[in-house]
Every structure is written in structure tokens, then in C-alpha cells.
Amino acid sequence: MDVALIQWPREEDRRQRLAARSRPRLLLVAAEAEPPIGGDLLEDWVRLPTEDGDVRARVRSLEMRISQHQPAAPKLTPDGVLRHGPGSVTLTPVQARLVRCLVDNLGTVVARDEIVQAGWPEDRPARNTVDVHMARLRNRLGSIGLMLQTVRSRGFMLDSNSNPH
């Protein structure tokens, strides 16, 4: 994930926009300014003037910190096994098609119509069929630390759960 360089405090609006999108940031703090106080894992700062090597070192440090705290994305094998962290589940062909669509859009809402198209490319199942498949998937995916949410009137979202059971 690219680390954005932010001129602090001049680019506070940009900092806030990037923070809202969970983007990593390195603040280049003006000599006369106080750095912001915060505990955001995705943010670090360095006071100007500074050497380019120091900026690069802070960027690398921030990237390493982020990679150590971000769970690895789930992986779906061609034979329908979904792996996440130390766990895995074997999926039916329909479940694998549904999960492929969700994994490809991890952390974002996938429209119900897109889910239907992914799971049943040849025909359109009854609404209840989709709901039953998604409920079964929710239980299966929860066992390996993934959370499948229904987003009312919009679709479904797959995300990592910090507390797998």
C-alpha cells in the first residue's frame, strides 16, 4: 500500500480524507508546527527540514508496521478451498463462485445482482435461494475469521473479523 506524503499542517484536509479511507500517511511537519497527537497505526511524521534518506526510512518503517498488523487477504484455490490465516474451508461450486466475487471485492459492498450473477450465471434463482446460500456461507466463513455482512438494500460485504471463533 502506497504511503502518502502530507505537508502538515497545510494539507490537513487531504490528511483527513486519506484517514477516512484508511490510507497510510507520512506527515512532513513544518519546522514551526507541532505534530498532531494520535495513535493511528497508519500515520507517522517527520519534522522538516530532513534528509531524503530519513523520509524513505520513515516510509519503510510505516509500511513494515502496517504489513505486520494487516491480516492476509483470504485466498480461494481453483479447487474451491478458501484459506484465511491458519484456517480453511472447502466450498461447493456455487459457494466458490459467490466467495470469488466477495474476495475480489474484499471490504466493499457487492450489489445483490452482482452476487446473483456470480453464483448463478445461467439463470436467476429465487430470492430465498440466495439468502439461504449467504446464511450458510456466513456460518462457514465465520469459522475461519471472515465476516459476511448483509448490507440492507445494497448487497453483501466480506471482511476480516479480528476474533475468529
C-alpha atoms as a PDB file:
ATOM      1  CA  MET A   1       0.000   0.000   0.000  1.00  0.00           C
ATOM      2  CA  ASP A   2       1.464   3.356  -1.005  1.00  0.00           C
ATOM      3  CA  VAL A   3       2.240   5.828   1.762  1.00  0.00           C
ATOM      4  CA  ALA A   4       1.018   9.358   1.036  1.00  0.00           C
ATOM      5  CA  LEU A   5       3.319  12.244   1.926  1.00  0.00           C
ATOM      6  CA  ILE A   6       1.335  15.078   3.541  1.00  0.00           C
ATOM      7  CA  GLN A   7       2.567  18.609   4.181  1.00  0.00           C
ATOM      8  CA  TRP A   8       1.479  19.303   7.787  1.00  0.00           C
ATOM      9  CA  PRO A   9      -0.466  21.389   8.717  1.00  0.00           C
ATOM     10  CA  ARG A  10      -1.121  22.833   5.253  1.00  0.00           C
ATOM     11  CA  GLU A  11      -2.729  19.651   3.878  1.00  0.00           C
ATOM     12  CA  GLU A  12      -4.925  18.785   6.880  1.00  0.00           C
ATOM     13  CA  ASP A  13      -7.990  18.331   4.631  1.00  0.00           C
ATOM     14  CA  ARG A  14      -6.120  15.787   2.499  1.00  0.00           C
ATOM     15  CA  ARG A  15      -4.886  14.048   5.662  1.00  0.00           C
ATOM     16  CA  GLN A  16      -8.477  13.690   6.886  1.00  0.00           C
ATOM     17  CA  ARG A  17      -9.686  12.344   3.521  1.00  0.00           C
ATOM     18  CA  LEU A  18      -6.916   9.746   3.421  1.00  0.00           C
ATOM     19  CA  ALA A  19      -7.514   8.770   7.053  1.00  0.00           C
ATOM     20  CA  ALA A  20     -11.219   8.260   6.297  1.00  0.00           C
ATOM     21  CA  ARG A  21     -10.215   5.853   3.506  1.00  0.00           C
ATOM     22  CA  SER A  22      -7.694   4.057   5.790  1.00  0.00           C
ATOM     23  CA  ARG A  23      -4.742   5.112   3.634  1.00  0.00           C
ATOM     24  CA  PRO A  24      -1.247   5.278   5.220  1.00  0.00           C
ATOM     25  CA  ARG A  25       0.237   8.746   5.655  1.00  0.00           C
ATOM     26  CA  LEU A  26       3.590  10.264   6.498  1.00  0.00           C
ATOM     27  CA  LEU A  27       3.254  13.830   7.708  1.00  0.00           C
ATOM     28  CA  LEU A  28       6.038  16.213   6.726  1.00  0.00           C
ATOM     29  CA  VAL A  29       5.741  18.581   9.689  1.00  0.00           C
ATOM     30  CA  ALA A  30       6.692  22.214   9.092  1.00  0.00           C
ATOM     31  CA  ALA A  31       9.547  23.419  11.315  1.00  0.00           C
ATOM     32  CA  GLU A  32       7.298  25.819  13.249  1.00  0.00           C
ATOM     33  CA  ALA A  33       4.327  23.433  13.640  1.00  0.00           C
ATOM     34  CA  GLU A  34       3.513  20.929  16.350  1.00  0.00           C
ATOM     35  CA  PRO A  35       2.853  17.427  15.033  1.00  0.00           C
ATOM     36  CA  PRO A  36      -0.643  16.086  15.656  1.00  0.00           C
ATOM     37  CA  ILE A  37      -1.104  13.743  18.579  1.00  0.00           C
ATOM     38  CA  GLY A  38      -2.770  10.482  17.692  1.00  0.00           C
ATOM     39  CA  GLY A  39      -2.471   6.759  17.803  1.00  0.00           C
ATOM     40  CA  ASP A  40      -3.344   5.948  14.203  1.00  0.00           C
ATOM     41  CA  LEU A  41      -1.288   2.951  13.088  1.00  0.00           C
ATOM     42  CA  LEU A  42      -1.490   4.258   9.509  1.00  0.00           C
ATOM     43  CA  GLU A  43       0.203   7.565  10.292  1.00  0.00           C
ATOM     44  CA  ASP A  44       3.698   8.738  11.192  1.00  0.00           C
ATOM     45  CA  TRP A  45       5.545  12.047  10.937  1.00  0.00           C
ATOM     46  CA  VAL A  46       8.960  13.605  10.431  1.00  0.00           C
ATOM     47  CA  ARG A  47       9.927  17.251  11.048  1.00  0.00           C
ATOM     48  CA  LEU A  48      11.217  19.369   8.179  1.00  0.00           C
ATOM     49  CA  PRO A  49      13.843  20.078   7.089  1.00  0.00           C
ATOM     50  CA  THR A  50      15.046  16.497   6.888  1.00  0.00           C
ATOM     51  CA  GLU A  51      17.155  14.324   4.639  1.00  0.00           C
ATOM     52  CA  ASP A  52      15.516  12.303   1.836  1.00  0.00           C
ATOM     53  CA  GLY A  53      17.008   9.164   3.376  1.00  0.00           C
ATOM     54  CA  ASP A  54      15.180   9.874   6.641  1.00  0.00           C
ATOM     55  CA  VAL A  55      11.866  10.251   4.791  1.00  0.00           C
ATOM     56  CA  ARG A  56      12.464   6.979   2.940  1.00  0.00           C
ATOM     57  CA  ALA A  57      13.338   5.243   6.220  1.00  0.00           C
ATOM     58  CA  ARG A  58      10.102   6.501   7.848  1.00  0.00           C
ATOM     59  CA  VAL A  59       8.076   5.342   4.842  1.00  0.00           C
ATOM     60  CA  ARG A  60       9.671   1.864   5.015  1.00  0.00           C
ATOM     61  CA  SER A  61       9.071   1.725   8.755  1.00  0.00           C
ATOM     62  CA  LEU A  62       5.412   2.667   8.288  1.00  0.00           C
ATOM     63  CA  GLU A  63       4.994   0.048   5.539  1.00  0.00           C
ATOM     64  CA  MET A  64       6.519  -2.646   7.761  1.00  0.00           C
ATOM     65  CA  ARG A  65       4.309  -1.697  10.706  1.00  0.00           C
ATOM     66  CA  ILE A  66       1.216  -1.834   8.505  1.00  0.00           C
ATOM     67  CA  SER A  67       2.115  -5.201   6.971  1.00  0.00           C
ATOM     68  CA  GLN A  68       2.590  -6.736  10.431  1.00  0.00           C
ATOM     69  CA  HIS A  69      -0.871  -5.651  11.570  1.00  0.00           C
ATOM     70  CA  GLN A  70      -2.897  -6.301   8.438  1.00  0.00           C
ATOM     71  CA  PRO A  71      -4.328  -9.769   8.139  1.00  0.00           C
ATOM     72  CA  ALA A  72      -3.501 -11.537   4.924  1.00  0.00           C
ATOM     73  CA  ALA A  73      -6.306 -11.460   2.397  1.00  0.00           C
ATOM     74  CA  PRO A  74      -8.262 -14.694   2.034  1.00  0.00           C
ATOM     75  CA  LYS A  75      -7.186 -16.925  -0.852  1.00  0.00           C
ATOM     76  CA  LEU A  76      -9.528 -19.098  -2.887  1.00  0.00           C
ATOM     77  CA  THR A  77      -7.849 -22.040  -4.617  1.00  0.00           C
ATOM     78  CA  PRO A  78      -9.024 -23.292  -8.032  1.00  0.00           C
ATOM     79  CA  ASP A  79     -10.440 -26.432  -6.372  1.00  0.00           C
ATOM     80  CA  GLY A  80     -12.737 -24.418  -4.077  1.00  0.00           C
ATOM     81  CA  VAL A  81     -10.767 -24.253  -0.820  1.00  0.00           C
ATOM     82  CA  LEU A  82     -10.831 -20.874   0.920  1.00  0.00           C
ATOM     83  CA  ARG A  83      -7.810 -20.202   3.137  1.00  0.00           C
ATOM     84  CA  HIS A  84      -7.607 -17.393   5.659  1.00  0.00           C
ATOM     85  CA  GLY A  85      -4.951 -17.233   8.336  1.00  0.00           C
ATOM     86  CA  PRO A  86      -4.443 -20.730   9.747  1.00  0.00           C
ATOM     87  CA  GLY A  87      -7.962 -21.883   8.770  1.00  0.00           C
ATOM     88  CA  SER A  88      -9.580 -23.194   5.630  1.00  0.00           C
ATOM     89  CA  VAL A  89     -12.986 -24.349   4.415  1.00  0.00           C
ATOM     90  CA  THR A  90     -13.978 -26.390   1.387  1.00  0.00           C
ATOM     91  CA  LEU A  91     -16.742 -24.791  -0.671  1.00  0.00           C
ATOM     92  CA  THR A  92     -19.327 -26.136  -3.087  1.00  0.00           C
ATOM     93  CA  PRO A  93     -19.039 -24.858  -6.684  1.00  0.00           C
ATOM     94  CA  VAL A  94     -21.817 -22.270  -6.130  1.00  0.00           C
ATOM     95  CA  GLN A  95     -20.268 -21.146  -2.832  1.00  0.00           C
ATOM     96  CA  ALA A  96     -16.863 -20.844  -4.520  1.00  0.00           C
ATOM     97  CA  ARG A  97     -18.331 -18.590  -7.232  1.00  0.00           C
ATOM     98  CA  LEU A  98     -20.025 -16.422  -4.599  1.00  0.00           C
ATOM     99  CA  VAL A  99     -16.875 -16.225  -2.485  1.00  0.00           C
ATOM    100  CA  ARG A 100     -14.700 -15.383  -5.531  1.00  0.00           C
ATOM    101  CA  CYS A 101     -16.879 -12.325  -6.130  1.00  0.00           C
ATOM    102  CA  LEU A 102     -16.718 -11.337  -2.445  1.00  0.00           C
ATOM    103  CA  VAL A 103     -12.952 -11.907  -2.101  1.00  0.00           C
ATOM    104  CA  ASP A 104     -12.303  -9.861  -5.251  1.00  0.00           C
ATOM    105  CA  ASN A 105     -14.216  -7.008  -3.575  1.00  0.00           C
ATOM    106  CA  LEU A 106     -12.987  -7.563  -0.012  1.00  0.00           C
ATOM    107  CA  GLY A 107     -14.128  -4.814   2.345  1.00  0.00           C
ATOM    108  CA  THR A 108     -16.579  -3.255  -0.112  1.00  0.00           C
ATOM    109  CA  VAL A 109     -20.279  -3.779  -0.670  1.00  0.00           C
ATOM    110  CA  VAL A 110     -21.129  -6.107  -3.553  1.00  0.00           C
ATOM    111  CA  ALA A 111     -24.573  -5.497  -5.043  1.00  0.00           C
ATOM    112  CA  ARG A 112     -27.077  -8.336  -4.712  1.00  0.00           C
ATOM    113  CA  ASP A 113     -27.458  -8.503  -8.521  1.00  0.00           C
ATOM    114  CA  GLU A 114     -23.692  -8.968  -8.871  1.00  0.00           C
ATOM    115  CA  ILE A 115     -23.789 -11.794  -6.303  1.00  0.00           C
ATOM    116  CA  VAL A 116     -26.658 -13.469  -8.184  1.00  0.00           C
ATOM    117  CA  GLN A 117     -24.777 -13.179 -11.494  1.00  0.00           C
ATOM    118  CA  ALA A 118     -21.623 -14.628  -9.920  1.00  0.00           C
ATOM    119  CA  GLY A 119     -23.368 -17.560  -8.273  1.00  0.00           C
ATOM    120  CA  TRP A 120     -25.838 -18.428 -10.993  1.00  0.00           C
ATOM    121  CA  PRO A 121     -24.544 -17.131 -14.336  1.00  0.00           C
ATOM    122  CA  GLU A 122     -27.015 -19.230 -16.363  1.00  0.00           C
ATOM    123  CA  ASP A 123     -30.276 -18.474 -14.547  1.00  0.00           C
ATOM    124  CA  ARG A 124     -31.844 -16.351 -11.837  1.00  0.00           C
ATOM    125  CA  PRO A 125     -32.635 -18.185  -8.580  1.00  0.00           C
ATOM    126  CA  ALA A 126     -35.440 -17.315  -6.180  1.00  0.00           C
ATOM    127  CA  ARG A 127     -34.603 -14.605  -3.650  1.00  0.00           C
ATOM    128  CA  ASN A 128     -34.843 -17.142  -0.833  1.00  0.00           C
ATOM    129  CA  THR A 129     -32.230 -19.351  -2.542  1.00  0.00           C
ATOM    130  CA  VAL A 130     -29.699 -16.517  -2.465  1.00  0.00           C
ATOM    131  CA  ASP A 131     -30.494 -15.756   1.183  1.00  0.00           C
ATOM    132  CA  VAL A 132     -30.097 -19.417   2.199  1.00  0.00           C
ATOM    133  CA  HIS A 133     -26.723 -19.683   0.413  1.00  0.00           C
ATOM    134  CA  MET A 134     -25.476 -16.467   2.007  1.00  0.00           C
ATOM    135  CA  ALA A 135     -26.603 -17.582   5.501  1.00  0.00           C
ATOM    136  CA  ARG A 136     -24.742 -20.882   5.087  1.00  0.00           C
ATOM    137  CA  LEU A 137     -21.667 -19.036   3.830  1.00  0.00           C
ATOM    138  CA  ARG A 138     -21.816 -16.633   6.777  1.00  0.00           C
ATOM    139  CA  ASN A 139     -21.519 -19.581   9.181  1.00  0.00           C
ATOM    140  CA  ARG A 140     -18.758 -21.319   7.216  1.00  0.00           C
ATOM    141  CA  LEU A 141     -16.679 -18.177   6.740  1.00  0.00           C
ATOM    142  CA  GLY A 142     -17.044 -17.121  10.378  1.00  0.00           C
ATOM    143  CA  SER A 143     -15.207 -20.268  11.418  1.00  0.00           C
ATOM    144  CA  ILE A 144     -12.022 -19.007   9.706  1.00  0.00           C
ATOM    145  CA  GLY A 145     -12.225 -15.393  10.863  1.00  0.00           C
ATOM    146  CA  LEU A 146     -14.169 -13.873   7.977  1.00  0.00           C
ATOM    147  CA  MET A 147     -17.310 -11.837   8.449  1.00  0.00           C
ATOM    148  CA  LEU A 148     -20.041 -11.813   5.805  1.00  0.00           C
ATOM    149  CA  GLN A 149     -22.435  -8.931   6.349  1.00  0.00           C
ATOM    150  CA  THR A 150     -25.752  -8.206   4.708  1.00  0.00           C
ATOM    151  CA  VAL A 151     -25.947  -4.509   3.863  1.00  0.00           C
ATOM    152  CA  ARG A 152     -29.634  -3.739   3.765  1.00  0.00           C
ATOM    153  CA  SER A 153     -30.981  -2.629   0.379  1.00  0.00           C
ATOM    154  CA  ARG A 154     -27.484  -2.780  -1.126  1.00  0.00           C
ATOM    155  CA  GLY A 155     -25.896  -6.214  -1.032  1.00  0.00           C
ATOM    156  CA  PHE A 156     -23.200  -8.069   0.872  1.00  0.00           C
ATOM    157  CA  MET A 157     -19.732  -7.334   2.220  1.00  0.00           C
ATOM    158  CA  LEU A 158     -16.923  -9.713   3.193  1.00  0.00           C
ATOM    159  CA  ASP A 159     -14.376  -8.521   5.723  1.00  0.00           C
ATOM    160  CA  SER A 160     -11.828  -9.909   8.120  1.00  0.00           C
ATOM    161  CA  ASN A 161     -13.008 -10.494  11.663  1.00  0.00           C
ATOM    162  CA  SER A 162     -10.414  -9.750  14.335  1.00  0.00           C
ATOM    163  CA  ASN A 163     -11.811 -12.501  16.598  1.00  0.00           C
ATOM    164  CA  PRO A 164     -12.241 -15.767  14.689  1.00  0.00           C
ATOM    165  CA  HIS A 165     -14.205 -18.419  16.526  1.00  0.00           C
END
